[in-house]
Protein backbone atom coordinates (compact mmCIF):
# COMPACT_ATOMS: atom_id res chain seq x y z
CA MET A 1 75.99 99.13 120.77
CA SER A 2 73.42 101.84 121.26
CA THR A 3 74.51 102.67 124.77
CA SER A 4 75.61 106.25 125.23
CA THR A 5 79.29 106.98 124.84
CA ARG A 6 78.98 110.51 126.17
CA PRO A 7 81.63 110.88 128.92
CA SER A 8 80.18 110.52 132.41
CA GLN A 9 80.90 112.75 135.37
CA ASN A 10 83.51 110.26 136.59
CA ALA A 11 85.28 110.12 133.23
CA PRO A 12 88.59 111.94 132.66
CA LYS A 13 88.24 115.66 132.06
CA TYR A 14 88.55 116.67 128.43
CA SER A 15 90.00 119.95 127.26
CA LEU A 16 90.39 120.59 123.57
CA GLY A 17 93.25 122.98 124.29
CA LYS A 18 95.18 120.38 126.28
CA ASP A 19 94.17 117.43 124.10
CA TRP A 20 95.06 119.15 120.83
CA SER A 21 98.03 117.70 118.97
CA LEU A 22 99.67 118.39 115.64
CA SER A 23 99.53 114.71 114.66
CA ALA A 24 95.75 114.52 115.21
CA THR A 25 95.26 117.76 113.27
CA LEU A 26 97.33 116.42 110.39
CA ALA A 27 95.37 113.16 110.48
CA GLY A 28 92.19 115.17 110.08
CA PHE A 29 93.74 117.13 107.23
CA VAL A 30 94.93 114.00 105.43
CA ALA A 31 91.46 112.48 105.84
CA VAL A 32 89.94 115.48 104.07
CA VAL A 33 92.59 115.35 101.34
CA VAL A 34 91.82 111.67 100.76
CA SER A 35 88.09 112.45 100.69
CA TYR A 36 88.59 115.15 98.09
CA ALA A 37 91.01 113.07 96.02
CA GLY A 38 88.86 110.28 94.61
CA PRO A 39 85.36 110.59 96.12
CA LEU A 40 84.99 114.20 95.00
CA LEU A 41 85.86 113.24 91.45
CA VAL A 42 82.94 110.77 91.52
CA VAL A 43 80.61 113.62 92.51
CA LEU A 44 81.97 115.84 89.73
CA GLU A 45 81.50 113.07 87.20
CA ALA A 46 77.88 112.56 88.34
CA ALA A 47 77.25 116.30 88.00
CA ARG A 48 78.77 116.31 84.50
CA ALA A 49 76.78 113.27 83.39
CA ALA A 50 73.55 114.87 84.65
CA GLY A 51 74.28 118.14 82.85
CA LEU A 52 74.29 120.30 85.99
CA ASN A 53 75.52 123.85 85.57
CA SER A 54 78.56 125.23 87.39
CA GLU A 55 76.46 126.87 90.13
CA GLN A 56 74.61 123.63 90.91
CA THR A 57 77.85 121.64 90.90
CA ALA A 58 79.62 124.12 93.19
CA SER A 59 76.62 124.10 95.53
CA TRP A 60 76.70 120.29 95.63
CA VAL A 61 80.38 120.30 96.61
CA TRP A 62 79.73 123.07 99.17
CA ALA A 63 76.83 121.16 100.71
CA ILE A 64 78.55 117.79 101.11
CA SER A 65 81.66 119.49 102.51
CA VAL A 66 80.01 121.84 105.00
CA VAL A 67 77.44 119.36 106.27
CA SER A 68 80.15 116.71 106.71
CA GLY A 69 82.29 119.22 108.59
CA ILE A 70 79.58 120.41 110.95
CA THR A 71 78.56 116.84 111.78
CA CYS A 72 82.17 115.74 112.33
CA VAL A 73 82.88 118.62 114.71
CA LEU A 74 79.70 118.33 116.77
CA CYS A 75 79.67 114.52 117.06
CA SER A 76 83.42 114.22 117.74
CA TRP A 77 83.20 116.81 120.50
CA TRP A 78 80.02 115.44 122.06
CA PHE A 79 81.11 111.78 122.13
CA ARG A 80 84.88 112.43 122.47
CA GLN A 81 85.46 110.04 119.59
CA PRO A 82 86.94 110.61 116.11
CA VAL A 83 83.56 110.55 114.37
CA MET A 84 84.19 110.72 110.63
CA VAL A 85 81.25 111.68 108.45
CA ALA A 86 81.35 112.13 104.69
CA TRP A 87 79.24 111.86 101.57
CA SER A 88 78.23 108.54 100.08
CA ILE A 89 80.80 107.44 97.48
CA PRO A 90 78.77 104.52 96.04
CA GLY A 91 75.75 106.82 96.17
CA ALA A 92 77.52 109.35 93.98
CA ALA A 93 78.63 106.54 91.66
CA LEU A 94 75.02 105.40 91.42
CA LEU A 95 73.96 108.93 90.45
CA ILE A 96 76.33 108.95 87.46
CA THR A 97 73.85 106.80 85.56
CA SER A 98 70.57 107.76 87.25
CA LEU A 99 70.65 111.50 88.05
CA GLY A 100 70.26 112.64 84.46
CA ASN A 101 66.97 110.75 84.13
CA PHE A 102 65.12 113.15 86.42
CA SER A 103 64.74 116.85 87.00
CA PHE A 104 67.16 118.19 89.59
CA SER A 105 64.30 119.23 91.88
CA ASP A 106 62.90 115.68 91.77
CA ALA A 107 66.39 114.38 92.58
CA ILE A 108 66.54 116.73 95.58
CA GLY A 109 63.18 115.37 96.73
CA ALA A 110 64.52 111.84 96.35
CA TYR A 111 67.56 112.78 98.48
CA ILE A 112 65.21 113.93 101.24
CA VAL A 113 63.24 110.69 101.10
CA THR A 114 66.51 108.74 101.35
CA ALA A 115 67.56 110.78 104.39
CA VAL A 116 64.20 110.31 106.13
CA LEU A 117 64.26 106.55 105.60
CA GLY A 118 67.88 106.40 106.77
CA LEU A 119 66.98 108.42 109.86
CA ILE A 120 64.19 105.98 110.75
CA LEU A 121 66.42 102.94 110.29
CA GLY A 122 69.20 104.58 112.28
CA VAL A 123 67.27 105.66 115.35
CA THR A 124 65.61 102.24 115.65
CA GLY A 125 69.06 100.74 116.28
CA TRP A 126 68.78 98.22 113.43
CA PHE A 127 72.40 98.68 112.31
CA GLY A 128 73.83 98.37 115.79
CA LYS A 129 71.94 95.17 116.54
CA ILE A 130 73.22 93.50 113.40
CA LEU A 131 76.83 94.53 113.97
CA ASP A 132 76.73 93.25 117.55
CA ALA A 133 75.74 89.83 116.24
CA ILE A 134 78.62 89.59 113.73
CA PRO A 135 81.94 88.11 115.01
CA LYS A 136 84.78 90.64 115.15
CA PRO A 137 87.05 88.80 112.64
CA ILE A 138 84.34 89.08 109.98
CA THR A 139 83.79 92.81 110.51
CA ALA A 140 87.56 93.31 110.58
CA ALA A 141 87.85 91.37 107.30
CA VAL A 142 85.31 93.51 105.50
CA LEU A 143 87.11 96.65 106.71
CA ALA A 144 90.43 95.24 105.54
CA GLY A 145 88.78 94.54 102.22
CA VAL A 146 87.56 98.14 102.00
CA LEU A 147 91.03 99.54 102.71
CA LEU A 148 93.18 97.05 100.78
CA PRO A 149 92.37 98.39 97.28
CA PHE A 150 93.64 101.81 98.32
CA SER A 151 96.99 100.46 99.51
CA ILE A 152 97.31 98.20 96.47
CA GLN A 153 97.25 101.31 94.29
CA VAL A 154 100.55 102.57 95.74
CA ALA A 155 102.71 100.28 93.58
CA PRO A 156 100.97 101.11 90.26
CA SER A 157 101.13 104.80 91.19
CA VAL A 158 104.90 104.58 91.64
CA VAL A 159 105.27 102.81 88.29
CA GLU A 160 103.14 105.42 86.50
CA ASN A 161 104.57 108.43 88.38
CA PRO A 162 108.00 107.26 89.58
CA ALA A 163 109.37 110.62 90.72
CA PRO A 164 106.53 112.15 92.78
CA ALA A 165 104.88 108.91 93.94
CA GLY A 166 108.25 107.28 94.61
CA ALA A 167 109.32 110.31 96.65
CA LEU A 168 106.07 110.08 98.58
CA VAL A 169 106.75 106.44 99.50
CA ILE A 170 110.35 107.24 100.49
CA GLY A 171 109.09 110.14 102.59
CA TYR A 172 106.64 107.81 104.32
CA LEU A 173 109.35 105.25 105.12
CA LEU A 174 111.73 107.92 106.41
CA GLY A 175 108.95 109.44 108.46
CA LYS A 176 108.05 106.05 109.96
CA ARG A 177 111.71 105.54 110.83
CA PHE A 178 112.42 108.88 112.49
CA ILE A 179 109.09 110.63 113.27
CA PRO A 180 106.34 107.99 113.07
CA ARG A 181 103.52 110.30 114.13
CA TYR A 182 104.13 112.58 111.16
CA ALA A 183 105.05 109.98 108.54
CA VAL A 184 102.04 110.67 106.32
CA PHE A 185 102.63 114.42 106.47
CA VAL A 186 106.30 113.94 105.50
CA ALA A 187 105.19 111.70 102.64
CA MET A 188 102.69 114.23 101.36
CA GLY A 189 105.12 117.13 101.61
CA LEU A 190 107.97 115.34 99.81
CA GLY A 191 105.66 113.99 97.13
CA VAL A 192 104.13 117.40 96.33
CA LEU A 193 107.59 119.03 96.39
CA VAL A 194 109.02 116.56 93.88
CA ALA A 195 105.90 116.82 91.71
CA TRP A 196 106.38 120.59 91.61
CA LEU A 197 110.11 120.36 90.88
CA THR A 198 109.57 117.88 88.05
CA GLY A 199 106.75 119.86 86.49
CA ALA A 200 104.11 117.24 87.24
CA ILE A 201 101.87 119.88 88.86
CA ASN A 202 99.48 121.23 86.24
CA ALA A 203 99.18 125.00 85.85
CA VAL A 204 95.81 126.36 87.07
CA SER A 205 94.26 129.77 87.68
CA PRO A 206 91.96 129.32 90.68
CA ASP A 207 89.36 131.87 91.74
CA PHE A 208 89.65 132.37 95.52
CA GLY A 209 86.13 133.70 96.02
CA LEU A 210 83.74 132.13 98.51
CA THR A 211 81.32 129.59 97.08
CA VAL A 212 77.67 130.66 97.28
CA PRO A 213 75.30 127.68 97.69
CA GLU A 214 72.21 127.45 95.51
CA PHE A 215 68.89 126.42 97.05
CA THR A 216 66.68 124.12 94.99
CA MET A 217 63.06 123.69 96.03
CA PRO A 218 62.45 119.95 96.22
CA THR A 219 59.71 118.24 94.27
CA PHE A 220 58.66 114.65 94.69
CA SER A 221 57.94 112.00 92.10
CA TRP A 222 57.44 108.28 92.50
CA ALA A 223 59.76 107.64 89.59
CA ALA A 224 62.65 109.52 91.24
CA ILE A 225 61.95 107.89 94.60
CA ALA A 226 62.06 104.44 93.00
CA GLY A 227 65.03 105.25 90.76
CA ILE A 228 67.14 107.22 93.25
CA SER A 229 65.88 106.99 96.84
CA ILE A 230 65.71 103.23 97.31
CA PRO A 231 69.00 102.33 95.57
CA LEU A 232 70.74 105.27 97.26
CA LEU A 233 69.47 104.14 100.66
CA ILE A 234 70.68 100.58 100.11
CA VAL A 235 74.18 101.42 98.88
CA THR A 236 74.67 104.08 101.58
CA ALA A 237 73.40 101.90 104.41
CA ALA A 238 75.11 98.69 103.37
CA GLY A 239 78.22 100.05 101.76
CA GLN A 240 79.02 103.02 104.02
CA ASN A 241 77.18 103.18 107.35
CA ALA A 242 77.65 99.51 108.22
CA PRO A 243 81.44 99.55 107.54
CA GLY A 244 81.67 102.97 109.21
CA LEU A 245 80.11 101.67 112.42
CA ALA A 246 82.23 98.54 112.24
CA MET A 247 85.35 100.65 111.76
CA MET A 248 84.70 102.58 114.97
CA LYS A 249 83.78 99.48 116.93
CA THR A 250 86.85 97.56 115.79
CA ALA A 251 89.08 100.54 116.62
CA ASP A 252 87.71 100.41 120.19
CA PHE A 253 85.46 103.45 119.83
CA PRO A 254 82.07 101.87 120.59
CA PRO A 255 79.61 104.04 118.64
CA ASN A 256 76.18 105.18 119.72
CA ASP A 257 74.75 104.06 116.41
CA ARG A 258 71.30 105.54 116.95
CA ALA A 259 72.64 108.99 117.76
CA LEU A 260 75.27 109.03 115.02
CA LEU A 261 72.99 107.73 112.27
CA GLY A 262 70.24 110.00 113.53
CA ALA A 263 72.54 113.02 113.37
CA SER A 264 73.70 112.17 109.86
CA GLY A 265 70.08 111.64 108.78
CA ILE A 266 68.93 115.02 110.11
CA ALA A 267 71.94 116.76 108.57
CA SER A 268 71.22 115.07 105.23
CA ILE A 269 67.64 116.36 105.28
CA LEU A 270 68.69 119.93 106.05
CA PHE A 271 71.38 120.14 103.35
CA ALA A 272 69.66 118.15 100.60
CA PRO A 273 68.10 121.29 99.01
CA PHE A 274 71.63 122.59 98.42
CA GLY A 275 72.65 119.40 96.60
CA SER A 276 73.90 117.01 99.31
CA HIS A 277 72.88 113.56 98.09
CA ALA A 278 73.56 111.41 101.17
CA LEU A 279 75.61 111.67 104.34
CA ASN A 280 77.06 108.66 106.12
CA LEU A 281 79.63 107.47 108.61
CA ALA A 282 82.95 107.10 106.81
CA ALA A 283 85.01 103.92 106.90
CA VAL A 284 88.14 104.73 104.91
CA THR A 285 88.94 108.11 106.49
CA ALA A 286 87.96 106.74 109.91
CA GLY A 287 90.85 104.35 109.52
CA ILE A 288 93.15 107.37 109.42
CA ALA A 289 91.61 109.22 112.36
CA THR A 290 91.30 106.20 114.67
CA SER A 291 94.81 104.87 114.12
CA PRO A 292 97.73 105.34 116.54
CA GLU A 293 99.31 107.67 113.97
CA ALA A 294 96.62 110.22 114.84
CA HIS A 295 97.80 110.12 118.47
CA PRO A 296 99.36 107.42 120.67
CA GLU A 297 96.78 108.15 123.39
CA HIS A 298 93.48 106.59 122.42
CA ARG A 299 91.37 109.17 124.30
CA ARG A 300 92.93 112.11 122.44
CA ARG A 301 92.17 110.90 118.91
CA TYR A 302 88.80 112.65 118.95
CA VAL A 303 90.74 115.78 118.02
CA ALA A 304 91.32 114.24 114.58
CA GLY A 305 87.55 114.16 114.03
CA ILE A 306 87.18 117.80 115.05
CA ALA A 307 90.12 118.81 112.85
CA CYS A 308 88.66 116.88 109.94
CA GLY A 309 85.36 118.71 110.34
CA ALA A 310 87.06 122.09 110.50
CA PHE A 311 88.99 121.41 107.30
CA TYR A 312 85.82 120.18 105.59
CA ILE A 313 84.09 123.47 106.40
CA LEU A 314 87.10 125.48 105.26
CA PHE A 315 87.43 123.52 102.04
CA GLY A 316 83.69 123.76 101.45
CA ALA A 317 83.72 127.53 101.78
CA PHE A 318 86.14 127.59 98.85
CA ALA A 319 84.67 124.60 97.04
CA SER A 320 85.23 125.95 93.54
CA THR A 321 88.83 126.84 94.34
CA ILE A 322 89.56 123.46 95.91
CA VAL A 323 88.19 121.59 92.91
CA THR A 324 90.46 123.61 90.62
CA LEU A 325 93.54 123.07 92.81
CA PHE A 326 93.00 119.34 93.11
CA SER A 327 92.84 119.08 89.36
CA ALA A 328 96.47 120.28 89.31
CA ILE A 329 97.81 117.38 91.41
CA PRO A 330 98.63 114.17 89.49
CA PRO A 331 96.00 111.52 90.26
CA GLY A 332 98.71 108.95 90.92
CA LEU A 333 100.14 111.06 93.71
CA ILE A 334 96.78 111.25 95.46
CA SER A 335 96.29 107.49 95.09
CA ALA A 336 99.70 106.84 96.63
CA LEU A 337 98.94 109.21 99.51
CA ALA A 338 95.68 107.43 100.28
CA GLY A 339 97.42 104.07 100.15
CA VAL A 340 100.25 104.86 102.57
CA ALA A 341 97.94 106.79 104.92
CA LEU A 342 95.81 103.68 105.38
CA LEU A 343 98.62 101.14 105.88
CA GLY A 344 98.49 101.37 109.67
CA ALA A 345 94.76 100.77 109.85
CA LEU A 346 94.98 98.01 107.25
CA GLN A 347 97.63 96.20 109.29
CA GLY A 348 95.42 96.24 112.37
CA PHE A 349 92.35 94.96 110.56
CA MET A 350 94.28 92.23 108.78
CA PHE A 351 95.54 91.03 112.16
CA ASP A 352 92.08 91.13 113.73
CA SER A 353 90.55 89.28 110.79
CA MET A 354 93.02 86.40 111.13
CA HIS A 355 93.23 86.34 114.94
CA GLN A 356 90.93 83.68 116.30
CA GLY A 357 90.82 84.81 119.91
CA ASP A 358 87.84 83.29 121.72
CA HIS A 359 86.02 82.49 118.50
CA GLN A 360 85.61 79.12 116.83
CA PRO A 361 88.22 78.16 114.20
CA ALA A 362 85.50 78.40 111.54
CA VAL A 363 85.32 82.17 112.00
CA ILE A 364 88.79 82.64 110.49
CA GLU A 365 87.83 80.83 107.31
CA ALA A 366 84.62 82.85 107.18
CA ALA A 367 86.66 86.03 107.66
CA LEU A 368 88.96 85.04 104.79
CA ILE A 369 85.93 84.50 102.56
CA THR A 370 84.63 87.91 103.64
CA LEU A 371 87.93 89.53 102.71
CA VAL A 372 88.03 87.88 99.29
CA VAL A 373 84.47 88.90 98.41
CA THR A 374 84.95 92.47 99.62
CA VAL A 375 88.20 92.96 97.70
CA SER A 376 86.59 91.57 94.54
CA GLY A 377 84.65 94.79 94.06
CA ILE A 378 81.50 93.03 92.84
CA GLN A 379 78.33 95.14 92.75
CA PRO A 380 75.29 92.94 92.02
CA PHE A 381 72.08 95.00 91.85
CA GLY A 382 74.18 98.13 92.31
CA ILE A 383 75.06 97.20 95.92
CA VAL A 384 78.75 97.53 96.76
CA SER A 385 81.01 94.59 97.64
CA ALA A 386 81.30 95.51 101.35
CA PHE A 387 77.67 94.50 101.83
CA TRP A 388 78.13 91.22 99.97
CA GLY A 389 81.32 90.53 101.90
CA ILE A 390 79.51 90.76 105.23
CA LEU A 391 76.53 88.77 103.92
CA VAL A 392 78.63 85.95 102.45
CA GLY A 393 80.95 85.89 105.47
CA VAL A 394 78.09 85.56 107.96
CA ALA A 395 76.47 82.87 105.80
CA ALA A 396 79.75 80.98 105.58
CA PHE A 397 80.23 81.14 109.33
CA ALA A 398 76.68 79.91 109.93
CA ILE A 399 77.42 76.87 107.75
CA LEU A 400 80.94 76.17 109.03
CA ARG A 401 80.58 76.67 112.76
CA ARG A 402 79.92 73.78 115.05
CA ARG A 403 76.88 73.97 117.28
CA PRO A 404 77.36 73.14 121.00
CA ARG A 405 76.16 69.62 121.79
């Protein structure tokens, strides 16, 4: 998997001006909206639990946004693939209970240690070698398991917020019927419009000033490294980078895992002093950018990655404002948006997980087991269910498959 995906001299000529499309740009925008919807709230909760002040919190949001954006733009352009990079969601969840136990400077030092270890593991090609050895139905099943909970939330969102969330679903169906490439955008627009008309949008008074990041000189302690670095490395590597690489591979964008993980590791090191806890390849938002809804032409979907990065940088520049504005949108509406935006990718992964192809029949049962474990949401030892889904699925396949005689 580590082979270079940089276009060769004989490859088709790429021109961002000619390859640009509104659908790919909107896919990038929706990916950022989805990233800010739930994952950002996890970061804000971790900051609150740790007692960080408003400047430190704003700097954290600025750092994870800007570093994600820069990495998305550069990697998507260089490899001509929709490379989606974001902050570690399970990592932020882990910090809710652990960050407050250490000084913030020690936490920053622990972030740097995590990034260095991740960089070493990435450039050695360890992740790529493992993913190459796993049958495609199993990797597709774990990705379906990652996306399924988001789509399942659409129905409860409609029940809890019938007018705005229901309008969003109707907008999606109408969009799929008449303008499929812009179905998610139609859904979002109609949902927000109805939420505004029905008074579901909360009144806010945002400050539109630029966010100024705050530099924290890192310090290093063994306690913080043991309490933050190691668990953060495990949940980011197993729960985010592995599914992220699998997402790209399954979507027929073979990733240069060493380069991509190396780039995210270096970026994590550089932005850690500003509060960025961990950067990784995204799985959920990659499902949006790599889908046919981003663009019917496979080779032009890299624009979605560039657009996503540009919006990340823009949102990060106004991090404080964005946080305030997102607090005005009903949570149920955001959940419904994420769910419908990922339906296309979910459909593809569900098919791939149940399609035997050239594999043994046992791989389908192993893939089903993988899906069940991943959807369960279990987190033994603080490690997210995506890791356990892959582990259990591979173990099941090893037991069930028949060896050639």
